[in-house]
PDB file of N, CA and C in Angstrom:
ATOM      1  N   MET A   1       0.823  -1.193   0.000  1.00  0.00           N
ATOM      2  CA  MET A   1       0.000   0.000   0.000  1.00  0.00           C
ATOM      3  C   MET A   1       0.867   1.257   0.000  1.00  0.00           C
ATOM      4  N   SER A   2       1.963   1.177   0.730  1.00  0.00           N
ATOM      5  CA  SER A   2       2.858   2.331   0.826  1.00  0.00           C
ATOM      6  C   SER A   2       3.483   2.659  -0.531  1.00  0.00           C
ATOM      7  N   ARG A   3       3.866   1.632  -1.262  1.00  0.00           N
ATOM      8  CA  ARG A   3       4.457   1.865  -2.587  1.00  0.00           C
ATOM      9  C   ARG A   3       3.437   2.439  -3.563  1.00  0.00           C
ATOM     10  N   LEU A   4       2.198   1.996  -3.441  1.00  0.00           N
ATOM     11  CA  LEU A   4       1.149   2.533  -4.297  1.00  0.00           C
ATOM     12  C   LEU A   4       0.921   4.011  -4.000  1.00  0.00           C
ATOM     13  N   LEU A   5       0.867   4.372  -2.733  1.00  0.00           N
ATOM     14  CA  LEU A   5       0.693   5.768  -2.353  1.00  0.00           C
ATOM     15  C   LEU A   5       1.888   6.613  -2.795  1.00  0.00           C
ATOM     16  N   GLU A   6       3.070   6.038  -2.677  1.00  0.00           N
ATOM     17  CA  GLU A   6       4.278   6.734  -3.149  1.00  0.00           C
ATOM     18  C   GLU A   6       4.208   6.973  -4.657  1.00  0.00           C
ATOM     19  N   ALA A   7       3.746   5.990  -5.397  1.00  0.00           N
ATOM     20  CA  ALA A   7       3.620   6.133  -6.851  1.00  0.00           C
ATOM     21  C   ALA A   7       2.560   7.173  -7.211  1.00  0.00           C
ATOM     22  N   VAL A   8       1.460   7.201  -6.474  1.00  0.00           N
ATOM     23  CA  VAL A   8       0.413   8.199  -6.721  1.00  0.00           C
ATOM     24  C   VAL A   8       0.952   9.609  -6.460  1.00  0.00           C
ATOM     25  N   CYS A   9       1.713   9.774  -5.396  1.00  0.00           N
ATOM     26  CA  CYS A   9       2.310  11.085  -5.102  1.00  0.00           C
ATOM     27  C   CYS A   9       3.265  11.505  -6.214  1.00  0.00           C
ATOM     28  N   ALA A  10       4.118  10.588  -6.647  1.00  0.00           N
ATOM     29  CA  ALA A  10       5.065  10.907  -7.716  1.00  0.00           C
ATOM     30  C   ALA A  10       4.332  11.249  -9.008  1.00  0.00           C
ATOM     31  N   LEU A  11       3.275  10.521  -9.309  1.00  0.00           N
ATOM     32  CA  LEU A  11       2.492  10.799 -10.508  1.00  0.00           C
ATOM     33  C   LEU A  11       1.802  12.163 -10.414  1.00  0.00           C
ATOM     34  N   THR A  12       1.274  12.485  -9.249  1.00  0.00           N
ATOM     35  CA  THR A  12       0.636  13.794  -9.045  1.00  0.00           C
ATOM     36  C   THR A  12       1.627  14.920  -9.253  1.00  0.00           C
ATOM     37  N   ILE A  13       2.809  14.770  -8.705  1.00  0.00           N
ATOM     38  CA  ILE A  13       3.855  15.783  -8.869  1.00  0.00           C
ATOM     39  C   ILE A  13       4.215  15.931 -10.344  1.00  0.00           C
ATOM     40  N   GLY A  14       4.403  14.816 -11.015  1.00  0.00           N
ATOM     41  CA  GLY A  14       4.760  14.861 -12.429  1.00  0.00           C
ATOM     42  C   GLY A  14       3.693  15.505 -13.293  1.00  0.00           C
ATOM     43  N   VAL A  15       2.434  15.175 -13.027  1.00  0.00           N
ATOM     44  CA  VAL A  15       1.337  15.754 -13.815  1.00  0.00           C
ATOM     45  C   VAL A  15       1.238  17.259 -13.575  1.00  0.00           C
ATOM     46  N   LEU A  16       1.341  17.691 -12.319  1.00  0.00           N
ATOM     47  CA  LEU A  16       1.259  19.119 -12.020  1.00  0.00           C
ATOM     48  C   LEU A  16       2.390  19.897 -12.688  1.00  0.00           C
ATOM     49  N   VAL A  17       3.590  19.355 -12.623  1.00  0.00           N
ATOM     50  CA  VAL A  17       4.733  20.027 -13.245  1.00  0.00           C
ATOM     51  C   VAL A  17       4.572  20.057 -14.761  1.00  0.00           C
ATOM     52  N   ALA A  18       4.145  18.938 -15.346  1.00  0.00           N
ATOM     53  CA  ALA A  18       3.971  18.899 -16.798  1.00  0.00           C
ATOM     54  C   ALA A  18       2.896  19.881 -17.256  1.00  0.00           C
ATOM     55  N   LEU A  19       1.785  19.944 -16.538  1.00  0.00           N
ATOM     56  CA  LEU A  19       0.734  20.894 -16.896  1.00  0.00           C
ATOM     57  C   LEU A  19       1.213  22.332 -16.765  1.00  0.00           C
ATOM     58  N   LEU A  20       1.976  22.607 -15.726  1.00  0.00           N
ATOM     59  CA  LEU A  20       2.466  23.962 -15.513  1.00  0.00           C
ATOM     60  C   LEU A  20       3.486  24.353 -16.572  1.00  0.00           C
ATOM     61  N   VAL A  21       4.371  23.444 -16.917  1.00  0.00           N
ATOM     62  CA  VAL A  21       5.448  23.773 -17.853  1.00  0.00           C
ATOM     63  C   VAL A  21       4.965  23.777 -19.301  1.00  0.00           C
ATOM     64  N   TRP A  22       4.231  22.733 -19.690  1.00  0.00           N
ATOM     65  CA  TRP A  22       3.887  22.601 -21.100  1.00  0.00           C
ATOM     66  C   TRP A  22       2.504  23.124 -21.461  1.00  0.00           C
ATOM     67  N   GLY A  23       1.598  23.155 -20.511  1.00  0.00           N
ATOM     68  CA  GLY A  23       0.227  23.468 -20.868  1.00  0.00           C
ATOM     69  C   GLY A  23      -0.240  24.857 -20.512  1.00  0.00           C
ATOM     70  N   ALA A  24       0.656  25.699 -20.035  1.00  0.00           N
ATOM     71  CA  ALA A  24       0.210  27.002 -19.553  1.00  0.00           C
ATOM     72  C   ALA A  24       0.980  28.128 -20.228  1.00  0.00           C
ATOM     73  N   ASN A  25       0.306  29.224 -20.346  1.00  0.00           N
ATOM     74  CA  ASN A  25       0.929  30.447 -20.824  1.00  0.00           C
ATOM     75  C   ASN A  25       1.701  31.058 -19.643  1.00  0.00           C
ATOM     76  N   PRO A  26       3.028  31.241 -19.766  1.00  0.00           N
ATOM     77  CA  PRO A  26       3.799  31.748 -18.629  1.00  0.00           C
ATOM     78  C   PRO A  26       3.290  33.085 -18.083  1.00  0.00           C
ATOM     79  N   GLY A  27       2.842  33.966 -18.959  1.00  0.00           N
ATOM     80  CA  GLY A  27       2.314  35.246 -18.497  1.00  0.00           C
ATOM     81  C   GLY A  27       1.054  35.082 -17.674  1.00  0.00           C
ATOM     82  N   ALA A  28       0.169  34.206 -18.112  1.00  0.00           N
ATOM     83  CA  ALA A  28      -1.070  33.959 -17.376  1.00  0.00           C
ATOM     84  C   ALA A  28      -0.795  33.292 -16.033  1.00  0.00           C
ATOM     85  N   VAL A  29       0.192  32.408 -15.993  1.00  0.00           N
ATOM     86  CA  VAL A  29       0.548  31.745 -14.740  1.00  0.00           C
ATOM     87  C   VAL A  29       1.110  32.767 -13.750  1.00  0.00           C
ATOM     88  N   ARG A  30       1.937  33.678 -14.232  1.00  0.00           N
ATOM     89  CA  ARG A  30       2.487  34.709 -13.336  1.00  0.00           C
ATOM     90  C   ARG A  30       1.393  35.606 -12.780  1.00  0.00           C
ATOM     91  N   VAL A  31       0.446  35.983 -13.613  1.00  0.00           N
ATOM     92  CA  VAL A  31      -0.670  36.813 -13.140  1.00  0.00           C
ATOM     93  C   VAL A  31      -1.500  36.053 -12.109  1.00  0.00           C
ATOM     94  N   ALA A  32      -1.792  34.796 -12.392  1.00  0.00           N
ATOM     95  CA  ALA A  32      -2.555  33.984 -11.445  1.00  0.00           C
ATOM     96  C   ALA A  32      -1.796  33.810 -10.135  1.00  0.00           C
ATOM     97  N   TRP A  33      -0.474  33.655 -10.226  1.00  0.00           N
ATOM     98  CA  TRP A  33       0.352  33.510  -9.027  1.00  0.00           C
ATOM     99  C   TRP A  33       0.297  34.781  -8.186  1.00  0.00           C
ATOM    100  N   ARG A  34       0.438  35.917  -8.823  1.00  0.00           N
ATOM    101  CA  ARG A  34       0.435  37.190  -8.092  1.00  0.00           C
ATOM    102  C   ARG A  34      -0.915  37.480  -7.453  1.00  0.00           C
ATOM    103  N   GLU A  35      -1.998  37.029  -8.073  1.00  0.00           N
ATOM    104  CA  GLU A  35      -3.331  37.286  -7.539  1.00  0.00           C
ATOM    105  C   GLU A  35      -3.771  36.224  -6.536  1.00  0.00           C
ATOM    106  N   GLY A  36      -2.928  35.234  -6.282  1.00  0.00           N
ATOM    107  CA  GLY A  36      -3.238  34.221  -5.282  1.00  0.00           C
ATOM    108  C   GLY A  36      -4.135  33.102  -5.762  1.00  0.00           C
ATOM    109  N   GLU A  37      -4.329  32.986  -7.048  1.00  0.00           N
ATOM    110  CA  GLU A  37      -5.207  31.953  -7.582  1.00  0.00           C
ATOM    111  C   GLU A  37      -4.513  30.595  -7.701  1.00  0.00           C
ATOM    112  N   MET A  38      -3.214  30.559  -7.470  1.00  0.00           N
ATOM    113  CA  MET A  38      -2.464  29.309  -7.575  1.00  0.00           C
ATOM    114  C   MET A  38      -2.254  28.653  -6.202  1.00  0.00           C
ATOM    115  N   SER A  39      -2.857  29.191  -5.153  1.00  0.00           N
ATOM    116  CA  SER A  39      -2.587  28.681  -3.817  1.00  0.00           C
ATOM    117  C   SER A  39      -3.055  27.241  -3.644  1.00  0.00           C
ATOM    118  N   GLY A  40      -4.181  26.870  -4.222  1.00  0.00           N
ATOM    119  CA  GLY A  40      -4.658  25.491  -4.116  1.00  0.00           C
ATOM    120  C   GLY A  40      -3.720  24.507  -4.788  1.00  0.00           C
ATOM    121  N   VAL A  41      -3.248  24.863  -5.964  1.00  0.00           N
ATOM    122  CA  VAL A  41      -2.304  24.005  -6.691  1.00  0.00           C
ATOM    123  C   VAL A  41      -0.987  23.903  -5.924  1.00  0.00           C
ATOM    124  N   THR A  42      -0.559  25.013  -5.348  1.00  0.00           N
ATOM    125  CA  THR A  42       0.684  25.021  -4.582  1.00  0.00           C
ATOM    126  C   THR A  42       0.573  24.125  -3.356  1.00  0.00           C
ATOM    127  N   VAL A  43      -0.547  24.178  -2.667  1.00  0.00           N
ATOM    128  CA  VAL A  43      -0.749  23.335  -1.485  1.00  0.00           C
ATOM    129  C   VAL A  43      -0.734  21.863  -1.871  1.00  0.00           C
ATOM    130  N   VAL A  44      -1.412  21.507  -2.943  1.00  0.00           N
ATOM    131  CA  VAL A  44      -1.419  20.107  -3.398  1.00  0.00           C
ATOM    132  C   VAL A  44      -0.009  19.669  -3.785  1.00  0.00           C
ATOM    133  N   PHE A  45       0.726  20.524  -4.493  1.00  0.00           N
ATOM    134  CA  PHE A  45       2.078  20.193  -4.920  1.00  0.00           C
ATOM    135  C   PHE A  45       2.999  19.972  -3.720  1.00  0.00           C
ATOM    136  N   VAL A  46       2.973  20.886  -2.768  1.00  0.00           N
ATOM    137  CA  VAL A  46       3.851  20.773  -1.591  1.00  0.00           C
ATOM    138  C   VAL A  46       3.461  19.565  -0.744  1.00  0.00           C
ATOM    139  N   ALA A  47       2.164  19.318  -0.576  1.00  0.00           N
ATOM    140  CA  ALA A  47       1.720  18.156   0.196  1.00  0.00           C
ATOM    141  C   ALA A  47       2.138  16.852  -0.476  1.00  0.00           C
ATOM    142  N   ALA A  48       2.010  16.774  -1.798  1.00  0.00           N
ATOM    143  CA  ALA A  48       2.423  15.564  -2.516  1.00  0.00           C
ATOM    144  C   ALA A  48       3.927  15.358  -2.414  1.00  0.00           C
ATOM    145  N   CYS A  49       4.698  16.451  -2.503  1.00  0.00           N
ATOM    146  CA  CYS A  49       6.156  16.340  -2.352  1.00  0.00           C
ATOM    147  C   CYS A  49       6.527  15.847  -0.957  1.00  0.00           C
ATOM    148  N   ALA A  50       5.910  16.418   0.067  1.00  0.00           N
ATOM    149  CA  ALA A  50       6.224  16.034   1.443  1.00  0.00           C
ATOM    150  C   ALA A  50       5.841  14.581   1.713  1.00  0.00           C
ATOM    151  N   LEU A  51       4.656  14.185   1.263  1.00  0.00           N
ATOM    152  CA  LEU A  51       4.220  12.810   1.478  1.00  0.00           C
ATOM    153  C   LEU A  51       5.105  11.831   0.715  1.00  0.00           C
ATOM    154  N   TRP A  52       5.456  12.163  -0.511  1.00  0.00           N
ATOM    155  CA  TRP A  52       6.346  11.290  -1.269  1.00  0.00           C
ATOM    156  C   TRP A  52       7.688  11.155  -0.561  1.00  0.00           C
ATOM    157  N   LEU A  53       8.209  12.256  -0.044  1.00  0.00           N
ATOM    158  CA  LEU A  53       9.502  12.241   0.638  1.00  0.00           C
ATOM    159  C   LEU A  53       9.463  11.359   1.881  1.00  0.00           C
ATOM    160  N   VAL A  54       8.401  11.464   2.665  1.00  0.00           N
ATOM    161  CA  VAL A  54       8.262  10.639   3.866  1.00  0.00           C
ATOM    162  C   VAL A  54       8.148   9.164   3.493  1.00  0.00           C
ATOM    163  N   LEU A  55       7.327   8.846   2.505  1.00  0.00           N
ATOM    164  CA  LEU A  55       7.165   7.453   2.091  1.00  0.00           C
ATOM    165  C   LEU A  55       8.445   6.888   1.499  1.00  0.00           C
ATOM    166  N   TRP A  56       9.157   7.685   0.731  1.00  0.00           N
ATOM    167  CA  TRP A  56      10.423   7.242   0.142  1.00  0.00           C
ATOM    168  C   TRP A  56      11.437   6.926   1.225  1.00  0.00           C
ATOM    169  N   ARG A  57      11.536   7.796   2.222  1.00  0.00           N
ATOM    170  CA  ARG A  57      12.487   7.574   3.308  1.00  0.00           C
ATOM    171  C   ARG A  57      12.113   6.335   4.104  1.00  0.00           C
ATOM    172  N   ARG A  58      10.830   6.154   4.339  1.00  0.00           N
ATOM    173  CA  ARG A  58      10.392   4.991   5.098  1.00  0.00           C
ATOM    174  C   ARG A  58      10.684   3.701   4.339  1.00  0.00           C
ATOM    175  N   ARG A  59      10.459   3.720   3.015  1.00  0.00           N
ATOM    176  CA  ARG A  59      10.679   2.514   2.210  1.00  0.00           C
ATOM    177  C   ARG A  59      12.147   2.189   2.069  1.00  0.00           C
ATOM    178  N   THR A  60      12.986   3.180   1.810  1.00  0.00           N
ATOM    179  CA  THR A  60      14.398   2.920   1.566  1.00  0.00           C
ATOM    180  C   THR A  60      15.203   2.796   2.841  1.00  0.00           C
ATOM    181  N   GLY A  61      14.696   3.348   3.940  1.00  0.00           N
ATOM    182  CA  GLY A  61      15.424   3.256   5.199  1.00  0.00           C
ATOM    183  C   GLY A  61      16.717   4.045   5.196  1.00  0.00           C
ATOM    184  N   ARG A  62      16.735   5.134   4.460  1.00  0.00           N
ATOM    185  CA  ARG A  62      17.935   5.958   4.402  1.00  0.00           C
ATOM    186  C   ARG A  62      18.292   6.471   5.791  1.00  0.00           C
ATOM    187  N   GLY A  63      19.571   6.679   5.981  1.00  0.00           N
ATOM    188  CA  GLY A  63      20.067   7.151   7.270  1.00  0.00           C
ATOM    189  C   GLY A  63      19.737   8.607   7.518  1.00  0.00           C
ATOM    190  N   PRO A  64      20.132   9.111   8.670  1.00  0.00           N
ATOM    191  CA  PRO A  64      19.800  10.484   9.034  1.00  0.00           C
ATOM    192  C   PRO A  64      20.435  11.534   8.130  1.00  0.00           C
ATOM    193  N   LEU A  65      21.515  11.212   7.437  1.00  0.00           N
ATOM    194  CA  LEU A  65      22.144  12.199   6.558  1.00  0.00           C
ATOM    195  C   LEU A  65      21.374  12.395   5.263  1.00  0.00           C
ATOM    196  N   ALA A  66      20.682  11.379   4.801  1.00  0.00           N
ATOM    197  CA  ALA A  66      19.934  11.487   3.543  1.00  0.00           C
ATOM    198  C   ALA A  66      18.681  12.336   3.713  1.00  0.00           C
ATOM    199  N   TRP A  67      18.094  12.325   4.882  1.00  0.00           N
ATOM    200  CA  TRP A  67      16.843  13.056   5.113  1.00  0.00           C
ATOM    201  C   TRP A  67      17.020  14.560   4.949  1.00  0.00           C
ATOM    202  N   PRO A  68      17.970  15.215   5.649  1.00  0.00           N
ATOM    203  CA  PRO A  68      18.134  16.667   5.455  1.00  0.00           C
ATOM    204  C   PRO A  68      18.550  17.031   4.030  1.00  0.00           C
ATOM    205  N   LEU A  69      19.336  16.186   3.391  1.00  0.00           N
ATOM    206  CA  LEU A  69      19.758  16.461   2.026  1.00  0.00           C
ATOM    207  C   LEU A  69      18.562  16.442   1.082  1.00  0.00           C
ATOM    208  N   ALA A  70      17.680  15.470   1.229  1.00  0.00           N
ATOM    209  CA  ALA A  70      16.488  15.398   0.380  1.00  0.00           C
ATOM    210  C   ALA A  70      15.562  16.578   0.644  1.00  0.00           C
ATOM    211  N   VAL A  71      15.402  16.965   1.898  1.00  0.00           N
ATOM    212  CA  VAL A  71      14.560  18.115   2.227  1.00  0.00           C
ATOM    213  C   VAL A  71      15.171  19.383   1.642  1.00  0.00           C
ATOM    214  N   LEU A  72      16.477  19.518   1.720  1.00  0.00           N
ATOM    215  CA  LEU A  72      17.161  20.682   1.163  1.00  0.00           C
ATOM    216  C   LEU A  72      16.970  20.760  -0.353  1.00  0.00           C
ATOM    217  N   LEU A  73      17.095  19.648  -1.032  1.00  0.00           N
ATOM    218  CA  LEU A  73      16.906  19.634  -2.486  1.00  0.00           C
ATOM    219  C   LEU A  73      15.469  19.965  -2.869  1.00  0.00           C
ATOM    220  N   CYS A  74      14.499  19.397  -2.159  1.00  0.00           N
ATOM    221  CA  CYS A  74      13.095  19.709  -2.459  1.00  0.00           C
ATOM    222  C   CYS A  74      12.793  21.169  -2.148  1.00  0.00           C
ATOM    223  N   GLY A  75      13.332  21.678  -1.053  1.00  0.00           N
ATOM    224  CA  GLY A  75      13.134  23.086  -0.708  1.00  0.00           C
ATOM    225  C   GLY A  75      13.739  24.012  -1.735  1.00  0.00           C
ATOM    226  N   ALA A  76      14.917  23.662  -2.238  1.00  0.00           N
ATOM    227  CA  ALA A  76      15.553  24.473  -3.271  1.00  0.00           C
ATOM    228  C   ALA A  76      14.723  24.467  -4.551  1.00  0.00           C
ATOM    229  N   ALA A  77      14.151  23.322  -4.900  1.00  0.00           N
ATOM    230  CA  ALA A  77      13.311  23.254  -6.094  1.00  0.00           C
ATOM    231  C   ALA A  77      12.058  24.106  -5.935  1.00  0.00           C
ATOM    232  N   VAL A  78      11.433  24.050  -4.766  1.00  0.00           N
ATOM    233  CA  VAL A  78      10.244  24.865  -4.516  1.00  0.00           C
ATOM    234  C   VAL A  78      10.601  26.342  -4.540  1.00  0.00           C
ATOM    235  N   ALA A  79      11.728  26.713  -3.926  1.00  0.00           N
ATOM    236  CA  ALA A  79      12.164  28.110  -3.920  1.00  0.00           C
ATOM    237  C   ALA A  79      12.437  28.609  -5.341  1.00  0.00           C
ATOM    238  N   LEU A  80      13.001  27.753  -6.183  1.00  0.00           N
ATOM    239  CA  LEU A  80      13.259  28.122  -7.558  1.00  0.00           C
ATOM    240  C   LEU A  80      11.960  28.368  -8.318  1.00  0.00           C
ATOM    241  N   VAL A  81      10.967  27.518  -8.105  1.00  0.00           N
ATOM    242  CA  VAL A  81       9.668  27.692  -8.750  1.00  0.00           C
ATOM    243  C   VAL A  81       9.014  28.989  -8.278  1.00  0.00           C
ATOM    244  N   VAL A  82       9.064  29.245  -6.978  1.00  0.00           N
ATOM    245  CA  VAL A  82       8.472  30.465  -6.436  1.00  0.00           C
ATOM    246  C   VAL A  82       9.177  31.710  -6.986  1.00  0.00           C
ATOM    247  N   ALA A  83      10.505  31.665  -7.052  1.00  0.00           N
ATOM    248  CA  ALA A  83      11.256  32.810  -7.588  1.00  0.00           C
ATOM    249  C   ALA A  83      10.941  33.027  -9.055  1.00  0.00           C
ATOM    250  N   THR A  84      10.775  31.962  -9.803  1.00  0.00           N
ATOM    251  CA  THR A  84      10.443  32.084 -11.220  1.00  0.00           C
ATOM    252  C   THR A  84       9.054  32.673 -11.396  1.00  0.00           C
ATOM    253  N   MET A  85       8.112  32.234 -10.605  1.00  0.00           N
ATOM    254  CA  MET A  85       6.748  32.740 -10.711  1.00  0.00           C
ATOM    255  C   MET A  85       6.646  34.194 -10.255  1.00  0.00           C
ATOM    256  N   ALA A  86       7.453  34.571  -9.286  1.00  0.00           N
ATOM    257  CA  ALA A  86       7.399  35.949  -8.787  1.00  0.00           C
ATOM    258  C   ALA A  86       7.948  36.917  -9.823  1.00  0.00           C
ATOM    259  N   GLY A  87       8.791  36.407 -10.681  1.00  0.00           N
ATOM    260  CA  GLY A  87       9.214  37.100 -11.827  1.00  0.00           C
ATOM    261  C   GLY A  87      10.216  38.114 -11.870  1.00  0.00           C
TER     262      GLY A  87
END
């Protein structure tokens, strides 16, 4: 069950990123971001990333050093997306 949930989270993340990158007008996305209309999508994206990260760590049994590194990488990716959207 855990692997299935992990796969669903990864698929959700991939679909959201693909829709944002390939299916959207960048100008319209920036306007929607500035007006706060992207908050629901952002919450779903961050929740799916966090849940996937927890499930991945639980499944692989990575040590304590892998956990902060993975969180740092995911945080950097989110910060990059936010900086790009802020424009």
